[in-house]
Amino acid sequence: MFAPVDADYFFDDLPTLGRMLRRRALSSLELTRGFVERLRTIGPRYNALAELTGDLAEREARRADRELARGVDRGPLHGIPYGAKDLLDTAGIATRWGAPPYRDRIPSADATAITKLREAGAVLVGKLAMVELAGGGGYRYASASLHGPGLNPWNVGRWSGGSSSGSGSAVAAGVVPFALGSETWGSITTPSAFCGVSGLRPSLGVVSRAGAMPLAWSMDKVGPMARTAHDCGVILSALAGIDAADATTTAWSYRRSRPRSFRLGVLAEDFDGIPEIANAFEKALRVLRGAGMRTTRIRLPSYDYAATARAILSAEQAAAHEDFIRSGRLDELIDEGQKEGLRASLQQPNIEYARAMERRLSITRELRALFGKVDALVGPTLVAEAPTLDTDLRQMRRGIGPAVFGAVAGLPGISVPMGFGLHGMPLGLSITGDLFAEATIVAIASAYQRDTDWHERRPTTNVKHPSSSTETPTKLSFSASR
């Protein structure tokens, strides 16, 4: 009755998969089994797999097929497999937070985000690897994970980004159609940029964090990583809403924005020494202008955003993990920088946290005032390609870093692919909006993706270097030894 799952399906967007399921071109069970097998065999090549959930996936897929056959349609995610970052609790299934001390942790209840996706008919095929404890201590190396360094499908000698490392690798490699990640300070947008996928950080309060490992209560967000910006909006629609188990949530729902001419504030980034990234960004701006957008150069209010974010993160992670930090189990962590940072967080004076929170009020007010002049802020997600695995991450060049001012002010942001760098690795375009302006940034990103095909590129062997005017062949490996 159903056609076999073709390899191309593994890189299709959500609307395409949904149409195939509803036309009975394939069943959810067949699609799910294909992704489970792909996750089992390919996921470990990139250290992306934390836990396969095959039995659960079979049950959920069979239920989806029965419901769709009866005409019960739960929406655009019904019957579609996905993976979840391993800091989201799953009842009876190990959730290890990427950390050796928690290798035996098995929660008794699901995180709200997992429950919401189940209600939307999505099928959980696996838990995805992450940096230990989401890296709040300030890890130095990509190896800071129970599952090993996240390996980038475009080049396994380079990092997939953190802390949602497995989510970035899995989506890029076509191991899952979409994944849940989390971001406190760049943990969705960084792996999305490095791996060449689309990743959305929602506004604080849009998605419940109940059942997610806490890091910094006033900065943590759960969000989607997928093929396209449109996919991210679809997933966010299923995740959003008030939750009694998370007092920060609000009764907000996602509604698509109609296409129109948006005003974009172009961040004044320093591209000294990185002309290839400057060129990629300028080409992205030309595409956006061609789509009817109006651009104007803009400078951010003058603050030390990173120091403010670090002081808030340090205090809040100390409160969340005090017992663990004081215990001997801290020494079981892998990264020495992570251990040092967690210990130091207990020593931070209260006055530093209070002053950072006071600065945050001014930062948020002044940043939000910019949106009286523009609809969104655009810039490179990072001014660097994915680094090699031996790179000291504290020395990595980041530029303005939209993730950091977004983290401080709780603003939504999306990263979408915008080409390739000097070493053949993906680059990300960042679009940041006002609070609860997710529909705006998705609409802008979708307009960009309608006129580009960077999001359709996939890791393979002997592909041509997409960023080169001479199309120089570049060896990109889809299978490599660990």
Protein backbone atom coordinates (compact mmCIF):
# COMPACT_ATOMS: atom_id res chain seq x y z
CA MET A 1 0.00 0.00 0.00
CA PHE A 2 2.79 2.38 0.92
CA ALA A 3 5.93 3.19 -1.03
CA PRO A 4 9.32 2.46 0.57
CA VAL A 5 11.00 5.39 2.25
CA ASP A 6 13.30 7.10 -0.24
CA ALA A 7 16.59 8.54 1.02
CA ASP A 8 15.54 12.01 -0.13
CA TYR A 9 12.69 11.98 2.37
CA PHE A 10 15.21 12.33 5.15
CA PHE A 11 15.94 15.89 4.04
CA ASP A 12 12.39 17.00 3.26
CA ASP A 13 10.72 19.85 5.11
CA LEU A 14 7.68 19.35 7.32
CA PRO A 15 4.99 20.34 4.78
CA THR A 16 6.39 17.83 2.28
CA LEU A 17 6.44 15.02 4.85
CA GLY A 18 2.96 15.96 6.00
CA ARG A 19 1.55 15.79 2.46
CA MET A 20 3.06 12.36 1.92
CA LEU A 21 1.50 11.05 5.12
CA ARG A 22 -1.92 12.43 4.29
CA ARG A 23 -1.80 11.16 0.70
CA ARG A 24 -0.78 7.77 2.10
CA ALA A 25 2.38 7.81 0.00
CA LEU A 26 3.98 6.38 3.13
CA SER A 27 2.92 5.65 6.69
CA SER A 28 4.16 7.24 9.87
CA LEU A 29 5.41 3.81 10.92
CA GLU A 30 7.51 3.44 7.77
CA LEU A 31 8.85 6.95 8.07
CA THR A 32 9.58 6.46 11.76
CA ARG A 33 11.36 3.17 11.22
CA GLY A 34 13.50 4.81 8.56
CA PHE A 35 14.53 7.61 10.90
CA VAL A 36 15.07 5.25 13.84
CA GLU A 37 17.43 3.16 11.72
CA ARG A 38 19.16 6.26 10.43
CA LEU A 39 19.54 7.62 13.96
CA ARG A 40 20.88 4.27 15.17
CA THR A 41 23.45 3.90 12.40
CA ILE A 42 24.39 7.45 11.45
CA GLY A 43 23.74 9.35 14.67
CA PRO A 44 26.73 7.85 16.52
CA ARG A 45 29.09 8.92 13.71
CA TYR A 46 28.57 12.48 14.90
CA ASN A 47 28.22 11.71 18.61
CA ALA A 48 24.65 12.96 18.16
CA LEU A 49 22.70 10.12 19.78
CA ALA A 50 22.12 10.00 23.53
CA GLU A 51 19.30 7.44 23.66
CA LEU A 52 17.28 5.70 20.97
CA THR A 53 13.56 5.58 21.78
CA GLY A 54 12.56 2.96 19.23
CA ASP A 55 9.82 1.19 21.20
CA LEU A 56 8.12 4.45 22.12
CA ALA A 57 8.44 5.67 18.53
CA GLU A 58 6.75 2.52 17.19
CA ARG A 59 3.79 3.00 19.53
CA GLU A 60 3.43 6.68 18.71
CA ALA A 61 3.74 6.08 14.96
CA ARG A 62 1.13 3.31 14.99
CA ARG A 63 -1.23 5.61 16.88
CA ALA A 64 -0.65 8.37 14.32
CA ASP A 65 -1.43 6.00 11.45
CA ARG A 66 -4.64 4.81 13.11
CA GLU A 67 -5.77 8.36 13.79
CA LEU A 68 -4.97 9.64 10.31
CA ALA A 69 -6.78 6.66 8.78
CA ARG A 70 -9.88 7.61 10.82
CA GLY A 71 -9.65 11.24 9.72
CA VAL A 72 -8.31 12.47 13.06
CA ASP A 73 -5.70 15.07 12.18
CA ARG A 74 -3.74 16.67 15.02
CA GLY A 75 -2.04 19.18 12.75
CA PRO A 76 1.13 19.57 10.67
CA LEU A 77 3.36 17.54 13.02
CA HIS A 78 1.05 14.52 13.15
CA GLY A 79 3.04 11.36 12.41
CA ILE A 80 6.38 13.14 11.91
CA PRO A 81 9.45 11.89 13.85
CA TYR A 82 11.71 14.19 15.86
CA GLY A 83 14.58 14.17 18.36
CA ALA A 84 14.87 16.02 21.67
CA LYS A 85 17.90 17.45 23.40
CA ASP A 86 18.83 15.28 26.37
CA LEU A 87 17.97 17.88 28.99
CA LEU A 88 14.22 17.41 28.38
CA ASP A 89 12.78 14.79 30.69
CA THR A 90 11.20 11.68 29.20
CA ALA A 91 9.28 9.37 31.51
CA GLY A 92 11.10 6.07 32.01
CA ILE A 93 13.79 7.01 29.49
CA ALA A 94 17.26 8.15 30.51
CA THR A 95 17.82 11.90 30.51
CA ARG A 96 21.47 12.43 31.35
CA TRP A 97 22.00 16.17 30.77
CA GLY A 98 25.13 15.24 28.80
CA ALA A 99 27.00 14.76 32.09
CA PRO A 100 28.78 11.68 33.47
CA PRO A 101 27.42 12.18 37.02
CA TYR A 102 23.89 11.81 35.65
CA ARG A 103 24.46 8.82 33.39
CA ASP A 104 21.90 6.76 35.35
CA ARG A 105 19.24 9.44 35.69
CA ILE A 106 15.76 8.27 34.61
CA PRO A 107 12.91 10.75 35.20
CA SER A 108 9.38 9.69 36.05
CA ALA A 109 7.51 12.30 34.00
CA ASP A 110 7.77 14.02 30.64
CA ALA A 111 8.81 17.62 30.13
CA THR A 112 5.95 19.86 29.05
CA ALA A 113 7.55 20.33 25.62
CA ILE A 114 7.59 16.56 25.09
CA THR A 115 3.94 16.31 26.17
CA LYS A 116 2.90 19.12 23.82
CA LEU A 117 4.59 17.50 20.84
CA ARG A 118 2.95 14.18 21.67
CA GLU A 119 -0.40 15.95 21.75
CA ALA A 120 0.44 17.39 18.34
CA GLY A 121 1.02 13.84 17.06
CA ALA A 122 4.81 14.07 16.67
CA VAL A 123 6.85 10.89 17.17
CA LEU A 124 9.90 10.90 19.45
CA VAL A 125 12.65 8.75 17.92
CA GLY A 126 15.56 9.65 20.15
CA LYS A 127 17.26 11.83 22.73
CA LEU A 128 20.12 13.90 21.31
CA ALA A 129 23.51 14.56 22.83
CA MET A 130 24.51 17.85 24.45
CA VAL A 131 27.34 19.59 26.25
CA GLU A 132 27.46 18.57 29.91
CA LEU A 133 25.02 20.58 32.05
CA ALA A 134 24.47 22.81 28.99
CA GLY A 135 27.94 24.27 29.51
CA GLY A 136 26.95 26.87 32.07
CA GLY A 137 30.32 26.74 33.78
CA GLY A 138 32.09 27.98 30.66
CA TYR A 139 33.58 24.88 29.03
CA ARG A 140 36.76 25.26 27.01
CA TYR A 141 36.68 22.32 24.60
CA ALA A 142 34.20 20.54 22.34
CA SER A 143 34.87 17.29 24.23
CA ALA A 144 32.80 18.52 27.21
CA SER A 145 30.08 15.88 26.88
CA LEU A 146 29.29 12.42 28.12
CA HIS A 147 28.85 11.40 24.47
CA GLY A 148 32.03 12.96 23.13
CA PRO A 149 32.51 16.14 21.09
CA GLY A 150 29.67 17.00 18.73
CA LEU A 151 31.00 16.25 15.25
CA ASN A 152 29.86 18.38 12.35
CA PRO A 153 28.35 16.44 9.40
CA TRP A 154 30.01 18.86 6.98
CA ASN A 155 33.44 17.97 8.36
CA VAL A 156 33.84 15.63 11.31
CA GLY A 157 37.10 17.33 12.24
CA ARG A 158 35.05 20.36 13.28
CA TRP A 159 32.57 21.02 16.08
CA SER A 160 28.81 20.97 15.61
CA GLY A 161 28.37 23.71 18.23
CA GLY A 162 26.89 23.70 21.70
CA SER A 163 25.21 23.11 23.85
CA SER A 164 22.57 21.58 21.54
CA SER A 165 25.32 19.75 19.67
CA GLY A 166 23.42 16.56 18.86
CA SER A 167 20.35 18.47 17.73
CA GLY A 168 22.41 20.49 15.23
CA SER A 169 24.23 17.45 13.86
CA ALA A 170 21.12 15.29 13.67
CA VAL A 171 19.08 17.78 11.66
CA ALA A 172 22.00 18.61 9.35
CA ALA A 173 22.68 14.92 8.67
CA GLY A 174 19.03 14.13 7.93
CA VAL A 175 18.88 11.90 11.00
CA VAL A 176 15.71 13.63 12.24
CA PRO A 177 13.39 16.05 10.39
CA PHE A 178 13.47 18.41 13.37
CA ALA A 179 14.78 18.58 16.90
CA LEU A 180 14.23 20.40 20.13
CA GLY A 181 17.15 22.36 21.49
CA SER A 182 17.50 24.79 24.36
CA GLU A 183 19.23 28.12 24.61
CA THR A 184 20.42 30.11 27.57
CA TRP A 185 23.12 31.94 25.65
CA GLY A 186 23.56 30.77 22.06
CA SER A 187 22.87 27.06 22.44
CA ILE A 188 20.29 26.88 19.62
CA THR A 189 21.63 29.51 17.25
CA THR A 190 25.30 28.47 17.44
CA PRO A 191 24.85 24.81 16.37
CA SER A 192 22.25 25.92 13.81
CA ALA A 193 24.78 28.28 12.22
CA PHE A 194 27.67 25.82 12.38
CA CYS A 195 25.63 22.92 10.96
CA GLY A 196 23.70 24.85 8.30
CA VAL A 197 20.17 24.42 9.68
CA SER A 198 17.44 26.77 10.87
CA GLY A 199 17.08 27.32 14.61
CA LEU A 200 14.65 29.52 16.53
CA ARG A 201 15.19 30.94 20.02
CA PRO A 202 11.77 32.01 21.32
CA SER A 203 11.07 34.95 23.60
CA LEU A 204 11.34 34.22 27.30
CA GLY A 205 7.96 32.91 28.41
CA VAL A 206 6.75 31.53 25.09
CA VAL A 207 7.67 27.87 25.69
CA SER A 208 7.49 26.07 29.02
CA ARG A 209 10.78 24.89 30.55
CA ALA A 210 9.01 22.54 32.99
CA GLY A 211 10.86 19.23 32.95
CA ALA A 212 13.94 20.77 31.33
CA MET A 213 17.24 20.88 33.18
CA PRO A 214 17.44 24.34 34.78
CA LEU A 215 20.47 26.49 34.13
CA ALA A 216 19.48 30.14 34.44
CA TRP A 217 15.78 30.55 35.17
CA SER A 218 15.55 34.06 33.66
CA MET A 219 17.41 33.13 30.45
CA ASP A 220 16.57 29.50 29.59
CA LYS A 221 14.43 28.85 26.50
CA VAL A 222 13.35 25.70 24.65
CA GLY A 223 13.03 25.97 20.88
CA PRO A 224 13.05 24.17 17.52
CA MET A 225 15.82 23.34 15.05
CA ALA A 226 14.70 22.27 11.59
CA ARG A 227 15.25 22.52 7.83
CA THR A 228 13.52 25.86 7.35
CA ALA A 229 12.31 28.93 9.21
CA HIS A 230 8.75 27.98 8.28
CA ASP A 231 9.27 24.57 9.92
CA CYS A 232 10.47 26.32 13.07
CA GLY A 233 7.30 28.40 13.17
CA VAL A 234 5.12 25.30 12.80
CA ILE A 235 6.91 23.58 15.68
CA LEU A 236 6.79 26.70 17.85
CA SER A 237 3.03 26.88 17.33
CA ALA A 238 2.71 23.42 18.94
CA LEU A 239 5.05 24.29 21.81
CA ALA A 240 3.83 27.74 22.80
CA GLY A 241 1.37 28.57 25.55
CA ILE A 242 0.87 28.99 29.25
CA ASP A 243 1.84 26.17 31.61
CA ALA A 244 0.99 26.10 35.30
CA ALA A 245 4.26 24.25 35.91
CA ASP A 246 6.32 27.21 34.63
CA ALA A 247 5.38 30.56 36.14
CA THR A 248 7.27 32.48 33.44
CA THR A 249 5.00 31.28 30.63
CA THR A 250 2.37 33.46 29.05
CA ALA A 251 -0.86 32.85 27.14
CA TRP A 252 0.73 33.63 23.77
CA SER A 253 0.21 31.77 20.54
CA TYR A 254 2.11 31.82 17.27
CA ARG A 255 0.33 33.19 14.21
CA ARG A 256 2.05 33.51 10.86
CA SER A 257 2.79 37.04 9.70
CA ARG A 258 1.65 38.10 6.26
CA PRO A 259 4.52 38.91 3.87
CA ARG A 260 5.28 42.61 3.68
CA SER A 261 8.16 45.02 3.40
CA PHE A 262 9.98 44.88 6.71
CA ARG A 263 12.47 47.44 8.01
CA LEU A 264 15.76 45.82 8.96
CA GLY A 265 18.42 47.27 11.23
CA VAL A 266 21.83 46.06 10.04
CA LEU A 267 24.20 45.49 12.95
CA ALA A 268 27.54 47.29 12.68
CA GLU A 269 29.74 44.19 12.77
CA ASP A 270 33.56 44.26 12.56
CA PHE A 271 34.58 42.08 9.59
CA ASP A 272 38.30 42.87 9.76
CA GLY A 273 40.27 39.85 8.56
CA ILE A 274 37.19 37.84 7.54
CA PRO A 275 36.21 39.17 4.08
CA GLU A 276 34.48 35.92 3.12
CA ILE A 277 31.95 36.34 5.95
CA ALA A 278 31.52 40.03 5.09
CA ASN A 279 30.81 39.05 1.48
CA ALA A 280 28.33 36.35 2.47
CA PHE A 281 26.48 38.79 4.71
CA GLU A 282 26.40 41.52 2.04
CA LYS A 283 24.95 39.00 -0.42
CA ALA A 284 22.32 38.09 2.17
CA LEU A 285 21.39 41.77 2.52
CA ARG A 286 21.02 42.05 -1.25
CA VAL A 287 18.64 39.10 -1.22
CA LEU A 288 16.60 40.68 1.56
CA ARG A 289 16.45 44.00 -0.28
CA GLY A 290 15.41 42.14 -3.42
CA ALA A 291 12.56 40.65 -1.41
CA GLY A 292 11.32 44.15 -0.61
CA MET A 293 13.05 44.74 2.72
CA ARG A 294 14.42 48.17 3.63
CA THR A 295 17.75 48.27 5.45
CA THR A 296 19.47 50.83 7.62
CA ARG A 297 22.73 50.59 9.56
CA ILE A 298 22.26 50.57 13.30
CA ARG A 299 24.46 50.49 16.39
CA LEU A 300 23.49 48.73 19.58
CA PRO A 301 23.34 50.64 22.87
CA SER A 302 26.80 50.62 24.46
CA TYR A 303 26.88 47.94 27.18
CA ASP A 304 29.06 45.00 28.11
CA TYR A 305 26.40 42.45 27.22
CA ALA A 306 28.63 39.45 27.82
CA ALA A 307 29.62 40.51 31.35
CA THR A 308 25.97 41.16 32.20
CA ALA A 309 24.89 37.79 30.85
CA ARG A 310 27.73 36.00 32.63
CA ALA A 311 26.89 37.53 36.02
CA ILE A 312 23.22 36.55 35.70
CA LEU A 313 24.02 33.06 34.43
CA SER A 314 26.61 32.47 37.13
CA ALA A 315 24.29 33.36 39.99
CA GLU A 316 21.28 31.49 38.65
CA GLN A 317 23.16 28.31 37.82
CA ALA A 318 24.69 28.34 41.32
CA ALA A 319 21.18 28.49 42.77
CA ALA A 320 19.96 25.69 40.48
CA HIS A 321 22.90 23.33 41.05
CA GLU A 322 24.30 24.31 44.44
CA ASP A 323 24.09 20.85 45.99
CA PHE A 324 25.76 19.24 42.99
CA ILE A 325 28.53 21.87 42.83
CA ARG A 326 29.33 21.39 46.53
CA SER A 327 29.36 17.61 46.16
CA GLY A 328 32.28 15.48 45.09
CA ARG A 329 30.34 14.51 41.98
CA LEU A 330 31.38 17.76 40.33
CA ASP A 331 34.79 16.19 39.73
CA GLU A 332 33.15 13.61 37.45
CA LEU A 333 32.56 16.29 34.83
CA ILE A 334 34.84 16.20 31.81
CA ASP A 335 35.87 19.77 31.11
CA GLU A 336 38.19 21.48 33.60
CA GLY A 337 36.94 24.92 32.61
CA GLN A 338 33.42 23.79 33.30
CA LYS A 339 34.37 22.60 36.78
CA GLU A 340 36.21 25.82 37.55
CA GLY A 341 33.32 27.97 36.38
CA LEU A 342 30.74 26.08 38.40
CA ARG A 343 32.84 26.31 41.56
CA ALA A 344 33.44 30.01 40.98
CA SER A 345 29.71 30.65 40.58
CA LEU A 346 29.20 29.92 44.27
CA GLN A 347 31.69 32.67 45.11
CA GLN A 348 30.11 35.47 43.07
CA PRO A 349 28.97 38.29 45.36
CA ASN A 350 25.24 38.96 45.46
CA ILE A 351 25.94 42.57 44.58
CA GLU A 352 27.24 41.55 41.13
CA TYR A 353 24.00 39.75 40.37
CA ALA A 354 21.94 42.70 41.60
CA ARG A 355 23.88 45.16 39.48
CA ALA A 356 23.63 42.89 36.43
CA MET A 357 19.87 42.67 36.87
CA GLU A 358 19.70 46.45 37.14
CA ARG A 359 21.74 46.84 33.93
CA ARG A 360 19.46 44.34 32.29
CA LEU A 361 16.47 46.63 32.77
CA SER A 362 18.27 49.46 30.97
CA ILE A 363 19.54 47.13 28.24
CA THR A 364 16.09 45.71 27.62
CA ARG A 365 14.43 49.11 27.53
CA GLU A 366 16.98 50.54 25.09
CA LEU A 367 17.06 47.47 22.84
CA ARG A 368 13.28 47.35 22.62
CA ALA A 369 13.24 51.05 21.74
CA LEU A 370 15.13 50.17 18.56
CA PHE A 371 12.07 48.30 17.34
CA GLY A 372 10.23 51.58 17.09
CA LYS A 373 12.53 52.27 14.11
CA VAL A 374 12.99 48.78 12.64
CA ASP A 375 11.12 45.48 12.61
CA ALA A 376 14.18 43.32 13.18
CA LEU A 377 17.95 43.39 13.64
CA VAL A 378 20.08 41.41 11.19
CA GLY A 379 23.70 40.32 11.31
CA PRO A 380 25.86 37.21 11.08
CA THR A 381 24.97 34.68 13.78
CA LEU A 382 28.71 34.37 14.44
CA VAL A 383 31.72 35.78 12.64
CA ALA A 384 33.38 32.37 12.49
CA GLU A 385 32.94 28.96 10.93
CA ALA A 386 32.71 25.84 13.06
CA PRO A 387 36.08 25.49 14.82
CA THR A 388 38.29 22.44 14.85
CA LEU A 389 37.82 20.05 17.76
CA ASP A 390 41.00 21.14 19.55
CA THR A 391 40.08 24.83 19.59
CA ASP A 392 39.97 26.60 22.94
CA LEU A 393 36.40 27.84 22.69
CA ARG A 394 37.04 30.75 25.02
CA GLN A 395 39.36 32.16 22.37
CA MET A 396 36.92 31.78 19.48
CA ARG A 397 36.00 35.02 17.72
CA ARG A 398 32.26 35.68 18.10
CA GLY A 399 31.73 39.29 17.01
CA ILE A 400 28.70 41.21 18.25
CA GLY A 401 26.97 37.91 18.95
CA PRO A 402 23.21 38.48 18.67
CA ALA A 403 22.72 35.55 21.04
CA VAL A 404 24.15 37.48 23.97
CA PHE A 405 22.01 40.60 23.75
CA GLY A 406 19.05 38.38 22.95
CA ALA A 407 19.79 36.36 26.07
CA VAL A 408 19.96 39.40 28.33
CA ALA A 409 16.76 40.99 27.00
CA GLY A 410 14.80 37.76 26.43
CA LEU A 411 14.30 38.58 22.73
CA PRO A 412 13.51 36.02 20.03
CA GLY A 413 16.04 35.24 17.33
CA ILE A 414 16.47 32.89 14.42
CA SER A 415 19.56 31.65 12.61
CA VAL A 416 19.26 30.43 9.02
CA PRO A 417 21.97 29.31 6.59
CA MET A 418 23.57 32.10 4.52
CA GLY A 419 26.34 30.33 2.63
CA PHE A 420 29.72 28.84 3.36
CA GLY A 421 32.99 30.15 4.69
CA LEU A 422 36.61 29.88 3.67
CA HIS A 423 36.87 26.31 4.97
CA GLY A 424 33.65 25.09 3.37
CA MET A 425 31.64 25.24 6.59
CA PRO A 426 28.14 26.76 6.89
CA LEU A 427 27.55 30.35 7.97
CA GLY A 428 24.46 31.66 9.74
CA LEU A 429 22.30 34.75 9.22
CA SER A 430 20.79 36.05 12.47
CA ILE A 431 17.44 37.86 12.66
CA THR A 432 16.40 39.24 16.06
CA GLY A 433 12.97 40.64 16.83
CA ASP A 434 11.13 42.47 19.55
CA LEU A 435 9.61 40.53 22.42
CA PHE A 436 6.96 38.09 21.08
CA ALA A 437 7.77 39.03 17.46
CA GLU A 438 8.51 35.44 16.44
CA ALA A 439 6.10 35.67 13.49
CA THR A 440 8.00 38.68 12.16
CA ILE A 441 11.42 37.09 12.24
CA VAL A 442 10.09 33.84 10.75
CA ALA A 443 8.46 35.81 7.93
CA ILE A 444 11.71 37.65 7.19
CA ALA A 445 13.74 34.43 7.29
CA SER A 446 11.20 32.64 5.10
CA ALA A 447 11.34 35.42 2.51
CA TYR A 448 15.13 35.02 2.49
CA GLN A 449 14.86 31.25 2.11
CA ARG A 450 12.39 31.57 -0.77
CA ASP A 451 15.12 33.34 -2.74
CA THR A 452 18.10 31.22 -1.67
CA ASP A 453 18.82 27.52 -1.48
CA TRP A 454 21.43 27.39 1.29
CA HIS A 455 18.94 25.55 3.52
CA GLU A 456 18.56 22.87 0.85
CA ARG A 457 22.27 22.03 0.78
CA ARG A 458 23.19 18.82 2.53
CA PRO A 459 26.49 17.28 3.63
CA THR A 460 27.79 14.83 1.05
CA THR A 461 31.04 13.72 -0.59
CA ASN A 462 32.78 15.63 -3.34
CA VAL A 463 30.33 18.51 -3.31
CA LYS A 464 31.45 21.77 -4.80
CA HIS A 465 32.29 24.65 -2.51
CA PRO A 466 29.09 26.72 -2.68
CA SER A 467 30.73 29.95 -1.56
CA SER A 468 33.43 29.96 -4.21
CA SER A 469 32.98 31.86 -7.46
CA THR A 470 35.12 29.22 -9.16
CA GLU A 471 33.18 26.33 -7.60
CA THR A 472 36.33 24.70 -6.26
CA PRO A 473 35.65 21.07 -5.26
CA THR A 474 35.79 20.57 -1.54
CA LYS A 475 35.82 17.18 0.17
CA LEU A 476 33.00 17.03 2.72
CA SER A 477 32.53 13.71 4.44
CA PHE A 478 29.23 12.14 5.43
CA SER A 479 30.87 9.14 7.05
CA ALA A 480 34.07 9.04 9.03
CA SER A 481 35.68 7.14 11.83
CA ARG A 482 35.42 8.50 15.34
